[in-house]
Amino acid sequence: MSKVVNPRCIIHINDLPSFILKYIFSLLNPYDDFDAIQLVCRYWYEISVKTVVSLKKVFDRCNQFKWSVYEPDLHTGPFLAERCSQSSCYHAKSKMMYIFGGCTAAYTAFNDLWAFDLSRYTWSRVLIKKPPFPSPKALATLLAYKDNLLLFGGFSKSSPNPIHQTSSFYNELHLFDTEKNHWVELITENSVPKLASHTASIIGDSMVVFGGSMGNCSTNEVWVLDIPGRMWLQPQIAEGSRPAPRYGHSQIMLDENHLVILGGCGGPNMIYSDCWMLSFDLSLSTSWIWQEIKVTNPKMSAPHLWSHAACRVGSNMLVLSRPLKSECATFRHNSLTVDHILVQYFRVMPYLYLTNFLREMRTRSKPTPINVRTELLSERRVAESVALRRQSSSSPSSSSPPSCDRNKINLEPSSADRLSCTIMRRKLLTSKSLDKQVYFFE
């Protein structure tokens, strides 16, 4: 005799509270799964929309990051050869990340095109059956334009032998049709300098290009490509200060009339960490204006701010760089006492406070080799520690430290000591950090 199941005991997934479904949806892949769950029913659609809004708020705060390593199976599927200086972009319609070209450590250049499916985490090589093909090159720009990819510039070397190496720079312009899988070379009415390691952005039907290396020198010129008209235009720049010629910088779009340039390199011993904003009008009816953005705490900037990866997250510019190795992270000195180190740290960064070796060195008067790691604490606690240390060192004959009224301590730093932190350093949430750190430009 079969057991009769009470229909009232059957629990449907829609019977779960909305916050439970919202948590479950937050664990899904944002590139493909959200499109599927939004088609189930109206209830799931409303919850998925709220989940996307919540995830975007968390992401824009830029306070939680972790690395997840993708390790492809080299025996079953295609994989990329090791390379650097490749060009990449995200194509929103296909939800693919495309990678073009690059070169090896011996400057052997590629002209292959690969696609990475962000929903399935799989690589696939894009097979192109007929010419034209772009030249094998590195340090080009690859941008998504409608349903196509736009490739411009780049460089390559003729031989892996350093004695016979000659660099070739390009001003080629190719358009890749993602639906038909073929390249089309765009022939423009006029030409521009041959550039590599430049930056470019798509705004409507225009591409704005800044800077780049031309081999024997770099440039700070701005060029605009009218994509439908296939014509290069050079806007008029207003008189005044402007960025120095550079390459390897980052270019971030703020809106349809403003972009930001960060860092770059102008040549040997010419590494830049400055930041500039360009105000422009694509109609070219007015002059374009450069304006330098003053960074209030440059000591916290990422080291070697050139040939780095950067993107915009909300109101922040996120930069991936090497670990910070400066006086703001680790202090090494062999001739300063704890009091001097505390004062110097208080002047350099109000939020840095020395914790290691502090208790055992309060009674020592001679300089001791120091290698101290720091942690972030409040500015008031730093000021109190500095004031207490100064009072205790002013009366060394006393057997016990003199009393100090914390309410009477002057906690206001001078104008030279007060810094407003606009560049923040964030640690990643996992040990698999690829020996990298994340920096924010707010």
Protein backbone atom coordinates (compact mmCIF):
# COMPACT_ATOMS: atom_id res chain seq x y z
CA MET A 1 0.00 0.00 0.00
CA SER A 2 1.56 3.26 -1.07
CA LYS A 3 2.06 6.00 1.43
CA VAL A 4 -0.06 9.08 0.90
CA VAL A 5 1.92 12.29 1.00
CA ASN A 6 0.20 15.28 2.48
CA PRO A 7 0.40 18.09 -0.09
CA ARG A 8 0.77 20.59 2.72
CA CYS A 9 4.14 19.03 3.69
CA ILE A 10 5.69 19.73 0.29
CA ILE A 11 7.86 22.84 0.43
CA HIS A 12 8.61 24.68 -2.78
CA ILE A 13 11.75 26.72 -3.27
CA ASN A 14 9.59 29.81 -3.63
CA ASP A 15 8.41 29.24 -0.07
CA LEU A 16 11.86 30.23 1.18
CA PRO A 17 12.26 33.76 2.53
CA SER A 18 13.38 36.30 -0.01
CA PHE A 19 16.69 36.94 1.78
CA ILE A 20 17.55 33.22 1.48
CA LEU A 21 16.96 33.29 -2.26
CA LYS A 22 18.90 36.52 -2.47
CA TYR A 23 21.89 34.86 -0.78
CA ILE A 24 21.67 31.84 -3.10
CA PHE A 25 21.52 34.07 -6.16
CA SER A 26 24.57 36.00 -4.95
CA LEU A 27 26.65 32.82 -5.29
CA LEU A 28 25.81 32.34 -8.97
CA ASN A 29 27.97 33.30 -11.92
CA PRO A 30 27.05 36.87 -12.90
CA TYR A 31 27.86 36.40 -16.59
CA ASP A 32 25.35 33.67 -17.51
CA ASP A 33 23.32 32.34 -14.58
CA PHE A 34 21.51 35.60 -13.85
CA ASP A 35 20.09 35.69 -17.36
CA ALA A 36 18.65 32.21 -16.81
CA ILE A 37 17.08 32.77 -13.40
CA GLN A 38 15.42 35.98 -14.54
CA LEU A 39 13.39 33.94 -17.04
CA VAL A 40 11.96 31.51 -14.44
CA CYS A 41 9.23 33.69 -12.96
CA ARG A 42 8.48 37.24 -11.98
CA TYR A 43 9.32 36.55 -8.32
CA TRP A 44 12.82 35.35 -9.21
CA TYR A 45 13.28 38.25 -11.58
CA GLU A 46 12.55 40.79 -8.84
CA ILE A 47 14.89 39.08 -6.37
CA SER A 48 17.66 38.78 -8.96
CA VAL A 49 17.43 42.51 -9.70
CA LYS A 50 17.77 43.30 -5.98
CA THR A 51 20.70 40.88 -5.76
CA VAL A 52 22.50 42.62 -8.62
CA VAL A 53 22.01 46.00 -6.94
CA SER A 54 23.40 44.67 -3.63
CA LEU A 55 26.39 43.03 -5.30
CA LYS A 56 27.17 46.22 -7.19
CA LYS A 57 27.15 48.24 -3.97
CA VAL A 58 29.56 45.79 -2.32
CA PHE A 59 31.82 45.80 -5.38
CA ASP A 60 31.86 49.60 -5.61
CA ARG A 61 33.01 49.85 -1.99
CA CYS A 62 36.24 48.09 -3.04
CA ASN A 63 36.86 46.53 0.37
CA GLN A 64 36.59 42.81 -0.33
CA PHE A 65 38.74 41.11 -2.95
CA LYS A 66 40.04 37.60 -3.35
CA TRP A 67 41.89 35.72 -6.05
CA SER A 68 40.45 32.59 -7.63
CA VAL A 69 42.96 30.74 -9.77
CA TYR A 70 41.83 29.17 -13.02
CA GLU A 71 43.94 26.15 -13.96
CA PRO A 72 42.99 24.79 -17.40
CA ASP A 73 43.42 21.14 -18.26
CA LEU A 74 46.31 21.16 -20.69
CA HIS A 75 45.51 17.62 -21.89
CA THR A 76 41.89 18.08 -22.95
CA GLY A 77 41.50 21.62 -24.25
CA PRO A 78 43.37 24.39 -26.02
CA PHE A 79 45.57 26.68 -24.02
CA LEU A 80 47.52 29.86 -24.60
CA ALA A 81 51.25 29.93 -25.03
CA GLU A 82 53.10 32.01 -22.44
CA ARG A 83 53.14 35.65 -23.49
CA CYS A 84 53.21 39.23 -22.29
CA SER A 85 52.13 42.65 -23.58
CA GLN A 86 49.02 41.15 -25.16
CA SER A 87 45.87 43.15 -25.90
CA SER A 88 42.56 42.27 -24.27
CA CYS A 89 39.02 43.55 -23.87
CA TYR A 90 35.60 42.43 -22.68
CA HIS A 91 32.83 41.95 -25.24
CA ALA A 92 29.50 42.49 -23.49
CA LYS A 93 27.22 40.85 -26.06
CA SER A 94 29.03 37.51 -26.16
CA LYS A 95 30.23 37.82 -22.54
CA MET A 96 33.69 36.85 -23.68
CA MET A 97 37.12 38.23 -22.90
CA TYR A 98 39.17 38.43 -26.08
CA ILE A 99 42.98 38.37 -26.15
CA PHE A 100 45.07 39.24 -29.19
CA GLY A 101 48.77 38.85 -29.88
CA GLY A 102 51.52 39.59 -27.41
CA CYS A 103 55.08 38.36 -27.40
CA THR A 104 57.39 35.99 -25.57
CA ALA A 105 60.43 36.88 -23.48
CA ALA A 106 62.51 36.61 -26.68
CA TYR A 107 60.15 39.09 -28.45
CA THR A 108 58.53 36.46 -30.64
CA ALA A 109 55.22 38.11 -31.50
CA PHE A 110 51.80 36.50 -32.05
CA ASN A 111 48.76 37.49 -34.08
CA ASP A 112 46.35 34.84 -32.80
CA LEU A 113 42.97 35.66 -31.25
CA TRP A 114 41.59 33.83 -28.21
CA ALA A 115 38.26 33.99 -26.39
CA PHE A 116 37.70 33.20 -22.72
CA ASP A 117 34.14 32.26 -21.75
CA LEU A 118 33.58 33.97 -18.39
CA SER A 119 30.53 31.84 -17.60
CA ARG A 120 32.18 28.44 -18.20
CA TYR A 121 35.84 29.37 -17.64
CA THR A 122 37.00 27.82 -20.89
CA TRP A 123 39.49 28.98 -23.52
CA SER A 124 38.81 28.72 -27.22
CA ARG A 125 40.92 29.85 -30.12
CA VAL A 126 39.07 31.90 -32.71
CA LEU A 127 39.67 30.23 -36.07
CA ILE A 128 40.02 32.75 -38.89
CA LYS A 129 40.00 31.05 -42.27
CA LYS A 130 40.76 33.85 -44.72
CA PRO A 131 42.86 37.03 -44.83
CA PRO A 132 43.48 39.80 -44.10
CA PHE A 133 45.31 39.12 -40.85
CA PRO A 134 46.87 41.68 -38.50
CA SER A 135 50.64 41.64 -38.20
CA PRO A 136 52.08 39.69 -35.26
CA LYS A 137 52.61 42.37 -32.61
CA ALA A 138 52.41 43.37 -28.98
CA LEU A 139 51.43 46.51 -27.04
CA ALA A 140 48.46 47.24 -29.30
CA THR A 141 44.99 48.37 -28.14
CA LEU A 142 41.95 46.11 -28.53
CA LEU A 143 38.54 47.68 -27.88
CA ALA A 144 34.95 46.48 -28.14
CA TYR A 145 32.96 48.52 -30.67
CA LYS A 146 29.31 47.44 -31.01
CA ASP A 147 29.46 43.80 -32.19
CA ASN A 148 33.07 44.14 -33.32
CA LEU A 149 36.60 44.45 -31.97
CA LEU A 150 38.84 47.35 -32.99
CA LEU A 151 42.61 46.76 -33.06
CA PHE A 152 45.11 49.60 -33.45
CA GLY A 153 48.88 50.08 -33.29
CA GLY A 154 51.50 47.84 -31.71
CA PHE A 155 55.12 46.84 -32.25
CA SER A 156 57.25 43.77 -32.94
CA LYS A 157 60.90 42.84 -33.31
CA SER A 158 62.34 41.22 -36.40
CA SER A 159 64.72 38.71 -34.80
CA PRO A 160 65.19 37.05 -31.41
CA ASN A 161 68.90 37.78 -31.70
CA PRO A 162 69.61 41.06 -29.82
CA ILE A 163 72.34 42.02 -32.29
CA HIS A 164 70.03 41.91 -35.31
CA GLN A 165 66.83 43.09 -33.63
CA THR A 166 65.02 45.97 -35.28
CA SER A 167 61.74 47.23 -33.87
CA SER A 168 58.75 47.74 -36.13
CA PHE A 169 55.91 50.03 -35.05
CA TYR A 170 52.46 49.96 -36.61
CA ASN A 171 49.53 52.27 -37.25
CA GLU A 172 47.39 49.51 -38.73
CA LEU A 173 43.68 49.54 -38.01
CA HIS A 174 41.71 46.28 -38.09
CA LEU A 175 38.07 45.50 -37.29
CA PHE A 176 37.08 41.98 -36.21
CA ASP A 177 33.52 40.78 -36.81
CA THR A 178 32.64 38.54 -33.84
CA GLU A 179 29.71 36.92 -35.70
CA LYS A 180 31.48 36.09 -38.97
CA ASN A 181 34.92 35.53 -37.40
CA HIS A 182 37.03 37.49 -39.84
CA TRP A 183 39.25 40.57 -39.85
CA VAL A 184 38.68 43.66 -41.98
CA GLU A 185 41.47 46.19 -42.50
CA LEU A 186 40.22 49.75 -42.25
CA ILE A 187 41.90 52.15 -44.66
CA THR A 188 41.64 55.73 -43.43
CA GLU A 189 41.86 58.90 -45.51
CA ASN A 190 44.82 60.17 -43.49
CA SER A 191 47.41 58.53 -41.28
CA VAL A 192 48.68 58.92 -37.74
CA PRO A 193 52.09 58.20 -36.19
CA LYS A 194 52.99 54.57 -35.65
CA LEU A 195 52.34 53.93 -31.95
CA ALA A 196 52.75 51.21 -29.35
CA SER A 197 51.97 51.06 -25.64
CA HIS A 198 49.44 53.85 -26.11
CA THR A 199 45.91 54.01 -24.69
CA ALA A 200 42.55 54.29 -26.39
CA SER A 201 38.86 54.51 -25.50
CA ILE A 202 35.65 54.13 -27.49
CA ILE A 203 33.08 56.92 -27.10
CA GLY A 204 30.07 56.48 -29.34
CA ASP A 205 31.41 56.19 -32.88
CA SER A 206 34.82 57.69 -32.03
CA MET A 207 38.07 56.31 -30.64
CA VAL A 208 40.24 58.66 -28.55
CA VAL A 209 43.97 57.78 -28.53
CA PHE A 210 46.57 59.35 -26.25
CA GLY A 211 50.34 59.01 -25.95
CA GLY A 212 52.41 56.01 -26.92
CA SER A 213 55.92 55.12 -27.98
CA MET A 214 57.25 55.70 -31.48
CA GLY A 215 60.54 53.88 -30.95
CA ASN A 216 63.04 56.68 -30.56
CA CYS A 217 60.68 58.91 -28.57
CA SER A 218 57.25 59.05 -26.97
CA THR A 219 54.38 61.44 -27.56
CA ASN A 220 51.65 63.26 -25.66
CA GLU A 221 49.43 63.94 -28.66
CA VAL A 222 45.70 63.20 -28.73
CA TRP A 223 44.09 61.70 -31.82
CA VAL A 224 40.43 60.98 -32.57
CA LEU A 225 39.26 58.36 -35.06
CA ASP A 226 35.88 58.84 -36.72
CA ILE A 227 35.07 55.15 -37.12
CA PRO A 228 32.17 55.36 -39.62
CA GLY A 229 33.94 58.07 -41.65
CA ARG A 230 37.34 56.34 -41.35
CA MET A 231 39.17 59.60 -40.76
CA TRP A 232 41.72 60.66 -38.14
CA LEU A 233 41.24 64.04 -36.47
CA GLN A 234 43.56 65.93 -34.14
CA PRO A 235 41.77 68.23 -31.69
CA GLN A 236 43.11 71.60 -30.65
CA ILE A 237 44.54 71.57 -27.12
CA ALA A 238 44.13 74.69 -25.00
CA GLU A 239 47.28 76.48 -23.88
CA GLY A 240 48.57 75.58 -20.44
CA SER A 241 50.08 72.61 -18.67
CA ARG A 242 49.66 69.16 -20.17
CA PRO A 243 51.02 65.65 -19.49
CA ALA A 244 54.59 64.92 -20.48
CA PRO A 245 55.12 62.54 -23.43
CA ARG A 246 54.69 58.99 -22.15
CA TYR A 247 53.77 55.39 -22.86
CA GLY A 248 52.60 52.49 -20.71
CA HIS A 249 50.06 54.67 -18.88
CA SER A 250 46.40 53.99 -18.04
CA GLN A 251 43.38 55.71 -19.54
CA ILE A 252 39.99 55.61 -17.81
CA MET A 253 36.76 57.09 -19.14
CA LEU A 254 34.72 59.11 -16.63
CA ASP A 255 31.88 60.12 -18.95
CA GLU A 256 31.34 61.24 -22.53
CA ASN A 257 33.36 64.42 -21.98
CA HIS A 258 36.11 63.48 -19.51
CA LEU A 259 38.89 60.91 -19.26
CA VAL A 260 41.75 60.35 -16.81
CA ILE A 261 45.40 59.52 -17.55
CA LEU A 262 47.45 57.89 -14.77
CA GLY A 263 51.17 57.12 -14.60
CA GLY A 264 53.33 56.05 -17.50
CA CYS A 265 56.95 56.18 -18.60
CA GLY A 266 58.75 58.77 -20.69
CA GLY A 267 62.02 56.89 -21.13
CA PRO A 268 64.97 55.80 -18.97
CA ASN A 269 64.63 57.10 -15.39
CA MET A 270 61.41 58.92 -16.32
CA ILE A 271 58.68 57.06 -14.43
CA TYR A 272 55.52 59.09 -13.82
CA SER A 273 52.89 58.72 -11.10
CA ASP A 274 50.92 61.88 -11.90
CA CYS A 275 47.25 62.01 -12.79
CA TRP A 276 45.61 64.18 -15.46
CA MET A 277 42.03 64.78 -16.56
CA LEU A 278 41.14 65.70 -20.13
CA SER A 279 37.93 67.63 -20.78
CA PHE A 280 36.88 67.25 -24.40
CA ASP A 281 34.10 67.76 -26.89
CA LEU A 282 33.93 65.24 -29.74
CA SER A 283 32.34 67.82 -32.00
CA LEU A 284 35.74 69.60 -31.94
CA SER A 285 33.97 72.94 -31.68
CA THR A 286 36.01 73.94 -28.60
CA SER A 287 39.56 73.39 -27.42
CA TRP A 288 40.31 70.37 -25.27
CA ILE A 289 41.65 71.16 -21.80
CA TRP A 290 44.16 69.24 -19.69
CA GLN A 291 43.99 69.60 -15.90
CA GLU A 292 46.36 67.93 -13.43
CA ILE A 293 44.69 66.18 -10.50
CA LYS A 294 46.63 66.80 -7.31
CA VAL A 295 47.21 63.63 -5.29
CA THR A 296 47.34 64.50 -1.60
CA ASN A 297 49.29 61.42 -0.46
CA PRO A 298 51.65 60.34 -3.26
CA LYS A 299 53.70 58.20 -0.83
CA MET A 300 50.89 55.62 -0.89
CA SER A 301 50.86 55.32 -4.66
CA ALA A 302 51.67 52.03 -6.33
CA PRO A 303 55.38 51.59 -7.14
CA HIS A 304 56.45 51.77 -10.79
CA LEU A 305 53.11 53.08 -11.99
CA TRP A 306 53.55 52.15 -15.64
CA SER A 307 52.69 49.14 -17.81
CA HIS A 308 50.14 48.21 -15.17
CA ALA A 309 46.53 47.10 -15.32
CA ALA A 310 43.85 49.57 -14.25
CA CYS A 311 40.09 49.88 -14.46
CA ARG A 312 37.28 51.96 -13.04
CA VAL A 313 35.15 50.63 -10.18
CA GLY A 314 32.44 53.08 -9.18
CA SER A 315 34.17 56.32 -8.24
CA ASN A 316 37.56 54.61 -7.82
CA MET A 317 40.37 53.73 -10.16
CA LEU A 318 41.69 50.28 -9.32
CA VAL A 319 45.36 49.58 -10.12
CA LEU A 320 47.10 46.22 -9.93
CA SER A 321 50.77 46.60 -9.03
CA ARG A 322 53.64 45.00 -7.20
CA PRO A 323 53.66 44.86 -3.36
CA LEU A 324 54.33 48.20 -1.73
CA LYS A 325 57.94 48.56 -0.59
CA SER A 326 58.25 51.99 0.93
CA GLU A 327 58.54 53.71 4.26
CA CYS A 328 54.77 53.56 4.65
CA ALA A 329 54.83 49.76 4.88
CA THR A 330 58.16 48.77 6.46
CA PHE A 331 60.66 51.01 8.23
CA ARG A 332 64.30 49.96 8.32
CA HIS A 333 66.83 52.13 10.14
CA ASN A 334 69.82 51.44 12.37
CA SER A 335 70.27 54.75 14.18
CA LEU A 336 66.87 55.94 15.42
CA THR A 337 65.27 55.34 18.78
CA VAL A 338 61.65 54.36 19.23
CA ASP A 339 60.69 57.95 20.04
CA HIS A 340 62.19 59.25 16.80
CA ILE A 341 60.57 56.48 14.81
CA LEU A 342 57.16 57.20 16.34
CA VAL A 343 57.46 60.90 15.58
CA GLN A 344 58.64 60.27 12.03
CA TYR A 345 55.84 57.80 11.39
CA PHE A 346 53.34 60.25 12.80
CA ARG A 347 54.56 62.89 10.35
CA VAL A 348 54.61 60.58 7.37
CA MET A 349 51.23 58.93 7.91
CA PRO A 350 48.91 59.85 10.83
CA TYR A 351 47.33 56.40 10.91
CA LEU A 352 50.51 54.37 11.33
CA TYR A 353 51.36 53.10 14.77
CA LEU A 354 54.35 50.99 15.85
CA THR A 355 53.43 47.96 17.90
CA ASN A 356 56.35 45.53 17.78
CA PHE A 357 59.32 46.11 20.11
CA LEU A 358 57.54 49.02 21.78
CA ARG A 359 57.17 47.60 25.29
CA GLU A 360 60.63 46.09 25.56
CA MET A 361 62.33 49.22 24.20
CA ARG A 362 60.67 51.82 26.41
CA THR A 363 63.48 51.52 28.97
CA ARG A 364 66.31 51.51 26.42
CA SER A 365 68.08 54.77 25.67
CA LYS A 366 70.65 53.68 23.09
CA PRO A 367 69.74 53.29 19.42
CA THR A 368 68.79 49.75 18.49
CA PRO A 369 68.46 48.22 15.01
CA ILE A 370 64.81 48.32 14.05
CA ASN A 371 62.82 46.37 11.46
CA VAL A 372 59.23 46.99 12.36
CA ARG A 373 55.98 46.07 10.65
CA THR A 374 53.05 48.39 11.16
CA GLU A 375 49.31 48.11 11.49
CA LEU A 376 46.49 50.59 10.99
CA LEU A 377 45.06 52.15 14.17
CA SER A 378 43.42 55.42 15.09
CA GLU A 379 45.18 58.78 14.83
CA ARG A 380 44.33 59.62 18.45
CA ARG A 381 46.11 56.53 19.74
CA VAL A 382 49.20 57.43 17.75
CA ALA A 383 49.21 60.96 19.16
CA GLU A 384 48.77 59.68 22.72
CA SER A 385 51.66 57.24 22.33
CA VAL A 386 53.93 59.95 20.96
CA ALA A 387 53.05 62.35 23.81
CA LEU A 388 53.50 59.67 26.48
CA ARG A 389 56.84 58.64 25.03
CA ARG A 390 58.08 62.24 24.96
CA GLN A 391 57.13 62.81 28.61
CA SER A 392 58.74 59.58 29.76
CA SER A 393 61.97 60.37 27.89
CA SER A 394 62.11 63.92 29.30
CA SER A 395 62.67 62.62 32.89
CA PRO A 396 65.00 59.61 32.64
CA SER A 397 66.05 59.81 36.32
CA SER A 398 62.61 58.85 37.53
CA SER A 399 62.17 55.19 38.36
CA SER A 400 58.58 55.13 37.15
CA PRO A 401 57.16 56.83 34.11
CA PRO A 402 55.60 60.21 34.90
CA SER A 403 51.86 60.47 34.83
CA CYS A 404 50.32 61.98 31.78
CA ASP A 405 46.82 63.32 31.55
CA ARG A 406 45.47 62.07 28.22
CA ASN A 407 42.78 64.75 28.23
CA LYS A 408 45.45 67.48 28.14
CA ILE A 409 47.39 66.03 25.23
CA ASN A 410 47.36 68.17 22.13
CA LEU A 411 46.13 65.71 19.55
CA GLU A 412 45.83 68.16 16.66
CA PRO A 413 48.72 67.62 14.23
CA SER A 414 50.19 70.56 12.41
CA SER A 415 49.27 71.35 8.84
CA ALA A 416 52.49 69.65 7.70
CA ASP A 417 51.55 66.49 9.59
CA ARG A 418 47.91 66.28 8.52
CA LEU A 419 47.36 64.22 5.39
CA SER A 420 44.12 63.22 3.74
CA CYS A 421 44.39 59.73 2.31
CA THR A 422 42.98 59.54 -1.17
CA ILE A 423 45.05 56.55 -2.26
CA MET A 424 44.21 53.43 -0.26
CA ARG A 425 45.95 50.09 -0.12
CA ARG A 426 43.81 46.98 0.26
CA LYS A 427 45.00 43.49 1.12
CA LEU A 428 43.41 40.53 -0.61
CA LEU A 429 41.31 38.05 1.35
CA THR A 430 43.24 34.92 0.46
CA SER A 431 46.83 33.74 0.45
CA LYS A 432 46.59 33.06 -3.30
CA SER A 433 47.30 36.68 -4.09
CA LEU A 434 49.78 36.08 -6.94
CA ASP A 435 52.22 38.24 -4.95
CA LYS A 436 50.17 41.31 -5.87
CA GLN A 437 48.33 44.02 -3.99
CA VAL A 438 45.38 46.14 -4.95
CA TYR A 439 45.50 49.94 -4.91
CA PHE A 440 42.66 52.42 -5.22
CA PHE A 441 42.65 55.92 -6.56
CA GLU A 442 39.60 57.66 -5.16
